[in-house]
């Protein structure tokens, strides 16, 4: 199991502008409460059969509790690179150690009136048995691309993950 980094409202984040340049720092709780733009990573994790790890978030999550997600990931810590955060978050949420570095695909600015973050989308192949972090993942399974597509209109998905997935399909030309 990956070493657990403390995840709290006190975690320090870089605050960034519209061009993803660091303009300050704030505690996670303050950044969320005040809608300050920060950085996040999204990692599409596939198993050895190419199926996508899909999960339902726990009710205790600060943002989008109890919703479904096709990505693992989270906030990028102050001074942390997107690539390091992607590996850390994937190992934490999947409950594995020794993943290959997730491959960065693209970045986009996600924004609503309540939330704004620069989003870096990655992909990784997980050949290890997963043991998802119980603080993050209430339920999980692996779905084929076709099964996931069928679930999109049926389940309530995190809006940022749904947007990242839509952009991923466009990026891949689908």
N, C-alpha and C. Protein backbone atom coordinates (compact mmCIF):
# COMPACT_ATOMS: atom_id res chain seq x y z
N UNK A 1 0.84 -1.19 0.00
CA UNK A 1 0.00 0.00 0.00
C UNK A 1 0.88 1.24 0.00
N UNK A 2 0.49 2.25 -0.74
CA UNK A 2 1.24 3.49 -0.82
C UNK A 2 1.20 4.21 0.53
N UNK A 3 2.28 4.93 0.81
CA UNK A 3 2.32 5.72 2.04
C UNK A 3 1.26 6.81 1.95
N UNK A 4 0.54 7.01 3.03
CA UNK A 4 -0.53 7.99 3.02
C UNK A 4 -0.02 9.38 3.38
N UNK A 5 -0.26 10.34 2.53
CA UNK A 5 0.04 11.73 2.80
C UNK A 5 -1.19 12.32 3.49
N UNK A 6 -1.01 13.10 4.55
CA UNK A 6 -2.18 13.68 5.21
C UNK A 6 -3.01 14.51 4.23
N UNK A 7 -4.31 14.28 4.23
CA UNK A 7 -5.22 15.00 3.34
C UNK A 7 -6.17 15.79 4.21
N UNK A 8 -5.96 17.07 4.26
CA UNK A 8 -6.81 17.85 5.15
C UNK A 8 -7.05 19.24 4.57
N UNK A 9 -7.92 19.95 5.24
CA UNK A 9 -8.21 21.33 4.85
C UNK A 9 -6.99 22.22 5.04
N UNK A 10 -5.99 21.75 5.81
CA UNK A 10 -4.78 22.54 6.05
C UNK A 10 -3.71 22.33 5.00
N UNK A 11 -3.90 21.40 4.08
CA UNK A 11 -2.91 21.14 3.03
C UNK A 11 -2.70 22.42 2.22
N UNK A 12 -1.45 22.76 1.97
CA UNK A 12 -1.11 23.98 1.25
C UNK A 12 -1.14 23.75 -0.27
N UNK A 13 -1.85 24.63 -0.99
CA UNK A 13 -1.97 24.54 -2.45
C UNK A 13 -1.40 25.79 -3.09
N UNK A 14 -0.89 25.65 -4.32
CA UNK A 14 -0.54 26.81 -5.13
C UNK A 14 -1.83 27.36 -5.72
N UNK A 15 -1.98 28.67 -5.67
CA UNK A 15 -3.10 29.36 -6.32
C UNK A 15 -2.57 29.89 -7.64
N UNK A 16 -3.31 29.66 -8.73
CA UNK A 16 -2.82 29.99 -10.07
C UNK A 16 -3.80 30.91 -10.81
N UNK A 17 -3.27 31.56 -11.84
CA UNK A 17 -4.10 32.46 -12.66
C UNK A 17 -4.64 31.71 -13.89
N UNK A 18 -5.24 32.47 -14.81
CA UNK A 18 -5.86 31.87 -15.99
C UNK A 18 -4.85 31.19 -16.91
N UNK A 19 -3.57 31.53 -16.79
CA UNK A 19 -2.52 30.90 -17.60
C UNK A 19 -1.77 29.83 -16.82
N UNK A 20 -2.27 29.43 -15.65
CA UNK A 20 -1.67 28.39 -14.82
C UNK A 20 -0.33 28.83 -14.22
N UNK A 21 -0.18 30.12 -13.97
CA UNK A 21 1.02 30.65 -13.30
C UNK A 21 0.70 30.81 -11.82
N UNK A 22 1.63 30.41 -10.96
CA UNK A 22 1.43 30.52 -9.52
C UNK A 22 1.40 32.00 -9.12
N UNK A 23 0.34 32.38 -8.40
CA UNK A 23 0.19 33.76 -7.94
C UNK A 23 0.10 33.86 -6.42
N UNK A 24 0.14 32.71 -5.74
CA UNK A 24 0.08 32.70 -4.28
C UNK A 24 -0.13 31.29 -3.77
N UNK A 25 -0.39 31.19 -2.48
CA UNK A 25 -0.67 29.91 -1.86
C UNK A 25 -1.81 30.09 -0.86
N UNK A 26 -2.53 29.01 -0.63
CA UNK A 26 -3.62 29.02 0.35
C UNK A 26 -3.82 27.61 0.87
N UNK A 27 -4.38 27.52 2.06
CA UNK A 27 -4.76 26.22 2.60
C UNK A 27 -5.91 25.67 1.77
N UNK A 28 -5.97 24.36 1.66
CA UNK A 28 -6.99 23.71 0.84
C UNK A 28 -8.40 24.15 1.22
N UNK A 29 -8.72 24.15 2.50
CA UNK A 29 -10.05 24.55 2.95
C UNK A 29 -10.39 25.97 2.53
N UNK A 30 -9.42 26.88 2.65
CA UNK A 30 -9.64 28.27 2.23
C UNK A 30 -9.81 28.37 0.72
N UNK A 31 -8.98 27.64 -0.02
CA UNK A 31 -9.07 27.68 -1.48
C UNK A 31 -10.45 27.21 -1.94
N UNK A 32 -10.95 26.14 -1.33
CA UNK A 32 -12.27 25.62 -1.71
C UNK A 32 -13.37 26.59 -1.28
N UNK A 33 -13.30 27.09 -0.07
CA UNK A 33 -14.35 27.97 0.44
C UNK A 33 -14.42 29.29 -0.34
N UNK A 34 -13.27 29.80 -0.77
CA UNK A 34 -13.21 31.09 -1.45
C UNK A 34 -13.19 30.95 -2.98
N UNK A 35 -13.25 29.71 -3.48
CA UNK A 35 -13.26 29.50 -4.93
C UNK A 35 -11.98 29.92 -5.62
N UNK A 36 -10.83 29.77 -4.92
CA UNK A 36 -9.55 30.15 -5.51
C UNK A 36 -9.07 29.09 -6.51
N UNK A 37 -8.59 29.55 -7.65
CA UNK A 37 -8.13 28.65 -8.70
C UNK A 37 -6.84 27.95 -8.25
N UNK A 38 -6.83 26.63 -8.36
CA UNK A 38 -5.66 25.84 -7.99
C UNK A 38 -5.45 24.76 -9.06
N UNK A 39 -4.68 23.73 -8.74
CA UNK A 39 -4.36 22.69 -9.72
C UNK A 39 -4.87 21.34 -9.26
N UNK A 40 -5.32 20.53 -10.23
CA UNK A 40 -5.80 19.17 -9.95
C UNK A 40 -5.28 18.23 -11.03
N UNK A 41 -5.23 16.95 -10.68
CA UNK A 41 -4.87 15.92 -11.65
C UNK A 41 -6.02 14.92 -11.77
N UNK A 42 -6.17 14.40 -12.98
CA UNK A 42 -7.15 13.37 -13.31
C UNK A 42 -6.37 12.23 -13.94
N UNK A 43 -6.49 11.02 -13.39
CA UNK A 43 -5.77 9.87 -13.93
C UNK A 43 -6.77 8.79 -14.30
N UNK A 44 -6.82 8.46 -15.59
CA UNK A 44 -7.64 7.35 -16.07
C UNK A 44 -6.81 6.09 -15.87
N UNK A 45 -7.25 5.22 -14.97
CA UNK A 45 -6.51 3.99 -14.65
C UNK A 45 -7.18 2.81 -15.32
N UNK A 46 -6.40 2.09 -16.10
CA UNK A 46 -6.89 0.90 -16.79
C UNK A 46 -6.22 -0.34 -16.20
N UNK A 47 -6.96 -1.45 -16.18
CA UNK A 47 -6.38 -2.71 -15.71
C UNK A 47 -5.70 -3.43 -16.88
N UNK A 48 -5.23 -4.64 -16.64
CA UNK A 48 -4.51 -5.38 -17.68
C UNK A 48 -5.37 -5.70 -18.88
N UNK A 49 -6.70 -5.72 -18.71
CA UNK A 49 -7.62 -5.98 -19.82
C UNK A 49 -8.06 -4.69 -20.52
N UNK A 50 -7.52 -3.54 -20.07
CA UNK A 50 -7.88 -2.27 -20.68
C UNK A 50 -9.14 -1.64 -20.14
N UNK A 51 -9.72 -2.26 -19.12
CA UNK A 51 -10.95 -1.70 -18.52
C UNK A 51 -10.60 -0.51 -17.62
N UNK A 52 -11.54 0.40 -17.47
CA UNK A 52 -11.35 1.64 -16.72
C UNK A 52 -11.82 1.47 -15.28
N UNK A 53 -10.99 1.92 -14.34
CA UNK A 53 -11.35 1.93 -12.92
C UNK A 53 -12.41 3.01 -12.72
N UNK A 54 -13.58 2.62 -12.22
CA UNK A 54 -14.69 3.53 -11.95
C UNK A 54 -15.06 3.36 -10.48
N UNK A 55 -15.34 4.48 -9.84
CA UNK A 55 -15.67 4.40 -8.41
C UNK A 55 -16.70 5.45 -8.01
N UNK A 56 -17.27 5.22 -6.84
CA UNK A 56 -18.15 6.22 -6.21
C UNK A 56 -17.39 6.83 -5.06
N UNK A 57 -17.37 8.14 -4.98
CA UNK A 57 -16.66 8.85 -3.93
C UNK A 57 -17.39 8.68 -2.60
N UNK A 58 -16.64 8.78 -1.52
CA UNK A 58 -17.24 8.66 -0.19
C UNK A 58 -18.07 9.91 0.12
N UNK A 59 -19.04 9.78 1.03
CA UNK A 59 -19.85 10.95 1.42
C UNK A 59 -19.05 12.02 2.15
N UNK A 60 -17.86 11.68 2.65
CA UNK A 60 -17.04 12.63 3.41
C UNK A 60 -16.18 13.54 2.54
N UNK A 61 -16.17 13.30 1.23
CA UNK A 61 -15.33 14.11 0.34
C UNK A 61 -15.75 15.58 0.42
N UNK A 62 -14.76 16.48 0.36
CA UNK A 62 -15.02 17.92 0.43
C UNK A 62 -15.80 18.39 -0.79
N UNK A 63 -15.41 17.91 -1.96
CA UNK A 63 -16.03 18.31 -3.22
C UNK A 63 -16.68 17.09 -3.87
N UNK A 64 -17.89 17.24 -4.33
CA UNK A 64 -18.65 16.21 -5.05
C UNK A 64 -18.77 14.89 -4.28
N UNK A 65 -19.23 14.93 -3.04
CA UNK A 65 -19.36 13.69 -2.27
C UNK A 65 -20.38 12.74 -2.89
N UNK A 66 -20.10 11.44 -2.77
CA UNK A 66 -20.99 10.35 -3.17
C UNK A 66 -21.29 10.26 -4.67
N UNK A 67 -20.58 11.00 -5.49
CA UNK A 67 -20.81 10.91 -6.93
C UNK A 67 -19.83 9.92 -7.55
N UNK A 68 -20.15 9.45 -8.75
CA UNK A 68 -19.30 8.51 -9.48
C UNK A 68 -18.21 9.26 -10.22
N UNK A 69 -17.08 8.57 -10.43
CA UNK A 69 -15.95 9.16 -11.14
C UNK A 69 -15.22 8.08 -11.93
N UNK A 70 -14.77 8.44 -13.14
CA UNK A 70 -13.99 7.52 -13.96
C UNK A 70 -12.50 7.84 -13.89
N UNK A 71 -12.14 8.80 -13.04
CA UNK A 71 -10.75 9.16 -12.82
C UNK A 71 -10.41 9.03 -11.34
N UNK A 72 -9.16 8.73 -11.05
CA UNK A 72 -8.63 8.93 -9.71
C UNK A 72 -7.80 10.20 -9.80
N UNK A 73 -7.59 10.83 -8.68
CA UNK A 73 -6.80 12.06 -8.71
C UNK A 73 -7.16 12.96 -7.57
N UNK A 74 -6.78 14.22 -7.71
CA UNK A 74 -7.05 15.18 -6.66
C UNK A 74 -6.21 16.43 -6.84
N UNK A 75 -6.08 17.18 -5.77
CA UNK A 75 -5.37 18.45 -5.82
C UNK A 75 -3.87 18.23 -5.88
N UNK A 76 -3.21 19.20 -6.51
CA UNK A 76 -1.75 19.23 -6.58
C UNK A 76 -1.27 20.09 -5.42
N UNK A 77 -0.38 19.56 -4.62
CA UNK A 77 0.14 20.30 -3.47
C UNK A 77 1.03 21.45 -3.88
N UNK A 78 1.24 22.40 -2.97
CA UNK A 78 2.12 23.54 -3.25
C UNK A 78 3.51 23.05 -3.62
N UNK A 79 4.03 23.54 -4.75
CA UNK A 79 5.36 23.17 -5.19
C UNK A 79 5.46 21.80 -5.85
N UNK A 80 4.36 21.06 -5.92
CA UNK A 80 4.36 19.72 -6.50
C UNK A 80 4.08 19.82 -8.00
N UNK A 81 4.71 18.97 -8.80
CA UNK A 81 4.43 18.96 -10.24
C UNK A 81 3.15 18.16 -10.51
N UNK A 82 2.55 18.43 -11.65
CA UNK A 82 1.38 17.65 -12.05
C UNK A 82 1.74 16.16 -12.12
N UNK A 83 2.91 15.86 -12.66
CA UNK A 83 3.31 14.46 -12.84
C UNK A 83 3.48 13.75 -11.50
N UNK A 84 4.13 14.41 -10.54
CA UNK A 84 4.30 13.81 -9.21
C UNK A 84 2.96 13.63 -8.52
N UNK A 85 2.07 14.63 -8.65
CA UNK A 85 0.75 14.53 -8.04
C UNK A 85 -0.06 13.39 -8.66
N UNK A 86 0.05 13.21 -9.98
CA UNK A 86 -0.70 12.15 -10.66
C UNK A 86 -0.28 10.78 -10.12
N UNK A 87 1.01 10.55 -9.97
CA UNK A 87 1.49 9.28 -9.44
C UNK A 87 1.06 9.11 -7.99
N UNK A 88 1.25 10.13 -7.18
CA UNK A 88 0.88 10.06 -5.76
C UNK A 88 -0.61 9.76 -5.60
N UNK A 89 -1.43 10.52 -6.30
CA UNK A 89 -2.88 10.36 -6.17
C UNK A 89 -3.34 8.99 -6.68
N UNK A 90 -2.80 8.54 -7.80
CA UNK A 90 -3.20 7.24 -8.35
C UNK A 90 -2.83 6.12 -7.37
N UNK A 91 -1.62 6.17 -6.82
CA UNK A 91 -1.22 5.12 -5.88
C UNK A 91 -2.06 5.18 -4.61
N UNK A 92 -2.33 6.38 -4.11
CA UNK A 92 -3.15 6.51 -2.90
C UNK A 92 -4.55 5.96 -3.11
N UNK A 93 -5.23 6.43 -4.15
CA UNK A 93 -6.63 6.05 -4.34
C UNK A 93 -6.80 4.60 -4.76
N UNK A 94 -5.87 4.09 -5.57
CA UNK A 94 -5.95 2.69 -5.98
C UNK A 94 -5.42 1.75 -4.90
N UNK A 95 -4.66 2.29 -3.95
CA UNK A 95 -4.11 1.48 -2.87
C UNK A 95 -3.00 0.56 -3.34
N UNK A 96 -2.16 1.06 -4.23
CA UNK A 96 -1.04 0.27 -4.76
C UNK A 96 0.25 1.05 -4.60
N UNK A 97 1.35 0.35 -4.74
CA UNK A 97 2.66 0.97 -4.73
C UNK A 97 3.45 0.42 -5.90
N UNK A 98 4.20 1.29 -6.58
CA UNK A 98 5.01 0.83 -7.69
C UNK A 98 4.35 0.98 -9.05
N UNK A 99 3.35 1.85 -9.16
CA UNK A 99 2.75 2.12 -10.48
C UNK A 99 3.78 2.77 -11.39
N UNK A 100 3.67 2.55 -12.70
CA UNK A 100 4.48 3.36 -13.61
C UNK A 100 3.96 4.81 -13.56
N UNK A 101 4.81 5.75 -13.94
CA UNK A 101 4.36 7.15 -13.95
C UNK A 101 3.20 7.31 -14.93
N UNK A 102 2.09 7.89 -14.50
CA UNK A 102 0.99 8.14 -15.43
C UNK A 102 1.45 9.03 -16.59
N UNK A 103 0.95 8.74 -17.77
CA UNK A 103 1.32 9.48 -18.97
C UNK A 103 0.46 10.75 -19.06
N UNK A 104 1.10 11.94 -19.10
CA UNK A 104 0.30 13.17 -19.26
C UNK A 104 -0.26 13.26 -20.67
N UNK A 105 -1.53 13.63 -20.78
CA UNK A 105 -2.19 13.72 -22.08
C UNK A 105 -2.46 15.17 -22.49
N UNK A 106 -3.14 15.93 -21.63
CA UNK A 106 -3.45 17.33 -21.94
C UNK A 106 -3.89 18.03 -20.66
N UNK A 107 -4.00 19.37 -20.74
CA UNK A 107 -4.48 20.18 -19.62
C UNK A 107 -5.62 21.07 -20.10
N UNK A 108 -6.50 21.41 -19.16
CA UNK A 108 -7.58 22.35 -19.46
C UNK A 108 -7.99 23.07 -18.19
N UNK A 109 -8.58 24.24 -18.37
CA UNK A 109 -9.08 25.02 -17.24
C UNK A 109 -10.54 24.66 -17.01
N UNK A 110 -10.83 24.12 -15.83
CA UNK A 110 -12.21 23.79 -15.46
C UNK A 110 -12.74 24.93 -14.61
N UNK A 111 -13.96 25.35 -14.88
CA UNK A 111 -14.50 26.43 -14.08
C UNK A 111 -16.02 26.45 -14.05
N UNK A 112 -16.54 26.73 -12.87
CA UNK A 112 -17.96 26.99 -12.65
C UNK A 112 -18.01 28.22 -11.75
N UNK A 113 -19.18 28.76 -11.46
CA UNK A 113 -19.22 29.88 -10.52
C UNK A 113 -18.64 29.54 -9.14
N UNK A 114 -18.69 28.27 -8.75
CA UNK A 114 -18.20 27.86 -7.43
C UNK A 114 -16.76 27.35 -7.42
N UNK A 115 -16.30 26.77 -8.53
CA UNK A 115 -15.01 26.09 -8.57
C UNK A 115 -14.20 26.50 -9.79
N UNK A 116 -12.87 26.48 -9.63
CA UNK A 116 -11.99 26.72 -10.77
C UNK A 116 -10.65 26.05 -10.49
N UNK A 117 -10.22 25.20 -11.43
CA UNK A 117 -8.89 24.60 -11.30
C UNK A 117 -8.33 24.22 -12.65
N UNK A 118 -7.00 24.33 -12.74
CA UNK A 118 -6.30 23.80 -13.89
C UNK A 118 -6.25 22.30 -13.72
N UNK A 119 -6.58 21.59 -14.78
CA UNK A 119 -6.75 20.14 -14.73
C UNK A 119 -5.77 19.49 -15.69
N UNK A 120 -4.97 18.57 -15.18
CA UNK A 120 -4.03 17.83 -16.00
C UNK A 120 -4.51 16.38 -16.09
N UNK A 121 -4.81 15.93 -17.30
CA UNK A 121 -5.37 14.59 -17.52
C UNK A 121 -4.22 13.63 -17.89
N UNK A 122 -4.20 12.49 -17.21
CA UNK A 122 -3.17 11.47 -17.39
C UNK A 122 -3.84 10.11 -17.58
N UNK A 123 -3.03 9.13 -17.99
CA UNK A 123 -3.52 7.76 -18.09
C UNK A 123 -2.43 6.82 -17.58
N UNK A 124 -2.85 5.71 -16.93
CA UNK A 124 -1.89 4.74 -16.41
C UNK A 124 -2.48 3.34 -16.54
N UNK A 125 -1.61 2.37 -16.72
CA UNK A 125 -2.01 0.96 -16.73
C UNK A 125 -1.63 0.39 -15.37
N UNK A 126 -2.60 -0.16 -14.66
CA UNK A 126 -2.37 -0.74 -13.34
C UNK A 126 -2.47 -2.25 -13.44
N UNK A 127 -1.32 -2.92 -13.36
CA UNK A 127 -1.31 -4.39 -13.44
C UNK A 127 -1.37 -5.01 -12.04
N UNK A 128 -1.33 -4.18 -11.02
CA UNK A 128 -1.36 -4.65 -9.63
C UNK A 128 -2.80 -4.79 -9.16
N UNK A 129 -3.08 -5.71 -8.22
CA UNK A 129 -4.43 -5.76 -7.65
C UNK A 129 -4.69 -4.48 -6.85
N UNK A 130 -5.84 -3.88 -7.07
CA UNK A 130 -6.16 -2.63 -6.36
C UNK A 130 -6.76 -2.91 -4.99
N UNK A 131 -6.50 -2.00 -4.08
CA UNK A 131 -7.06 -2.02 -2.72
C UNK A 131 -7.42 -0.57 -2.40
N UNK A 132 -8.52 -0.07 -2.99
CA UNK A 132 -8.82 1.36 -2.93
C UNK A 132 -8.88 1.92 -1.51
N UNK A 133 -8.44 3.15 -1.41
CA UNK A 133 -8.40 3.88 -0.15
C UNK A 133 -9.84 4.11 0.35
N UNK A 134 -10.17 3.57 1.51
CA UNK A 134 -11.56 3.62 2.01
C UNK A 134 -12.01 5.04 2.32
N UNK A 135 -11.09 5.95 2.60
CA UNK A 135 -11.46 7.35 2.86
C UNK A 135 -11.88 8.07 1.58
N UNK A 136 -11.48 7.53 0.43
CA UNK A 136 -11.74 8.18 -0.85
C UNK A 136 -12.78 7.45 -1.69
N UNK A 137 -12.79 6.11 -1.60
CA UNK A 137 -13.57 5.28 -2.52
C UNK A 137 -14.59 4.44 -1.74
N UNK A 138 -15.88 4.69 -2.00
CA UNK A 138 -16.95 3.94 -1.33
C UNK A 138 -17.27 2.63 -2.05
N UNK A 139 -17.07 2.61 -3.37
CA UNK A 139 -17.39 1.45 -4.20
C UNK A 139 -16.55 1.57 -5.46
N UNK A 140 -16.18 0.42 -6.06
CA UNK A 140 -15.41 0.49 -7.30
C UNK A 140 -15.63 -0.76 -8.15
N UNK A 141 -15.31 -0.62 -9.42
CA UNK A 141 -15.30 -1.72 -10.37
C UNK A 141 -14.44 -1.30 -11.56
N UNK A 142 -14.21 -2.21 -12.48
CA UNK A 142 -13.56 -1.90 -13.75
C UNK A 142 -14.59 -2.10 -14.85
N UNK A 143 -14.72 -1.11 -15.74
CA UNK A 143 -15.68 -1.18 -16.84
C UNK A 143 -14.96 -1.03 -18.17
N UNK A 144 -15.47 -1.72 -19.19
CA UNK A 144 -14.96 -1.50 -20.54
C UNK A 144 -15.39 -0.10 -20.97
N UNK A 145 -14.78 0.40 -22.04
CA UNK A 145 -15.17 1.71 -22.57
C UNK A 145 -16.66 1.73 -22.92
N UNK A 146 -17.14 0.63 -23.50
CA UNK A 146 -18.55 0.56 -23.89
C UNK A 146 -19.47 0.55 -22.67
N UNK A 147 -19.08 -0.20 -21.63
CA UNK A 147 -19.89 -0.23 -20.40
C UNK A 147 -19.92 1.15 -19.75
N UNK A 148 -18.79 1.84 -19.75
CA UNK A 148 -18.75 3.19 -19.17
C UNK A 148 -19.66 4.12 -19.96
N UNK A 149 -19.60 4.05 -21.28
CA UNK A 149 -20.46 4.91 -22.11
C UNK A 149 -21.95 4.68 -21.79
N UNK A 150 -22.33 3.42 -21.55
CA UNK A 150 -23.73 3.12 -21.21
C UNK A 150 -24.11 3.70 -19.85
N UNK A 151 -23.16 3.79 -18.92
CA UNK A 151 -23.45 4.29 -17.57
C UNK A 151 -23.49 5.82 -17.49
N UNK A 152 -22.91 6.50 -18.47
CA UNK A 152 -22.84 7.96 -18.41
C UNK A 152 -24.20 8.62 -18.16
N UNK A 153 -25.26 8.25 -18.89
CA UNK A 153 -26.54 8.90 -18.61
C UNK A 153 -27.28 8.32 -17.39
N UNK A 154 -26.81 7.18 -16.88
CA UNK A 154 -27.53 6.50 -15.80
C UNK A 154 -27.07 6.91 -14.40
N UNK A 155 -25.80 7.20 -14.24
CA UNK A 155 -25.23 7.48 -12.91
C UNK A 155 -24.95 8.98 -12.77
N UNK A 156 -24.90 9.45 -11.54
CA UNK A 156 -24.57 10.85 -11.27
C UNK A 156 -23.05 10.97 -11.12
N UNK A 157 -22.41 11.65 -12.08
CA UNK A 157 -20.96 11.74 -12.16
C UNK A 157 -20.46 13.07 -11.63
N UNK A 158 -19.23 13.09 -11.15
CA UNK A 158 -18.61 14.36 -10.75
C UNK A 158 -18.52 15.23 -12.00
N UNK A 159 -18.92 16.49 -11.92
CA UNK A 159 -18.96 17.31 -13.13
C UNK A 159 -17.58 17.57 -13.74
N UNK A 160 -16.54 17.72 -12.91
CA UNK A 160 -15.22 17.97 -13.49
C UNK A 160 -14.68 16.72 -14.18
N UNK A 161 -14.93 15.55 -13.62
CA UNK A 161 -14.52 14.30 -14.25
C UNK A 161 -15.26 14.06 -15.55
N UNK A 162 -16.56 14.38 -15.56
CA UNK A 162 -17.35 14.23 -16.78
C UNK A 162 -16.81 15.16 -17.87
N UNK A 163 -16.45 16.37 -17.49
CA UNK A 163 -15.87 17.31 -18.46
C UNK A 163 -14.51 16.81 -18.95
N UNK A 164 -13.68 16.29 -18.04
CA UNK A 164 -12.38 15.74 -18.43
C UNK A 164 -12.56 14.56 -19.38
N UNK A 165 -13.55 13.71 -19.11
CA UNK A 165 -13.79 12.55 -19.97
C UNK A 165 -14.28 12.99 -21.35
N UNK A 166 -15.17 13.99 -21.38
CA UNK A 166 -15.64 14.53 -22.66
C UNK A 166 -14.47 15.06 -23.47
N UNK A 167 -13.58 15.81 -22.83
CA UNK A 167 -12.41 16.37 -23.52
C UNK A 167 -11.45 15.26 -23.95
N UNK A 168 -11.34 14.21 -23.14
CA UNK A 168 -10.47 13.09 -23.50
C UNK A 168 -10.98 12.41 -24.77
N UNK A 169 -12.30 12.20 -24.85
CA UNK A 169 -12.87 11.61 -26.06
C UNK A 169 -12.61 12.49 -27.28
N UNK A 170 -12.77 13.81 -27.14
CA UNK A 170 -12.48 14.74 -28.24
C UNK A 170 -11.00 14.70 -28.60
N UNK A 171 -10.12 14.68 -27.59
CA UNK A 171 -8.68 14.64 -27.80
C UNK A 171 -8.29 13.40 -28.60
N UNK A 172 -8.99 12.29 -28.33
CA UNK A 172 -8.72 11.04 -29.04
C UNK A 172 -9.46 10.94 -30.37
N UNK A 173 -10.27 11.96 -30.68
CA UNK A 173 -10.98 11.97 -31.95
C UNK A 173 -12.23 11.11 -31.99
N UNK A 174 -12.85 10.90 -30.81
CA UNK A 174 -14.08 10.08 -30.76
C UNK A 174 -15.29 10.96 -30.61
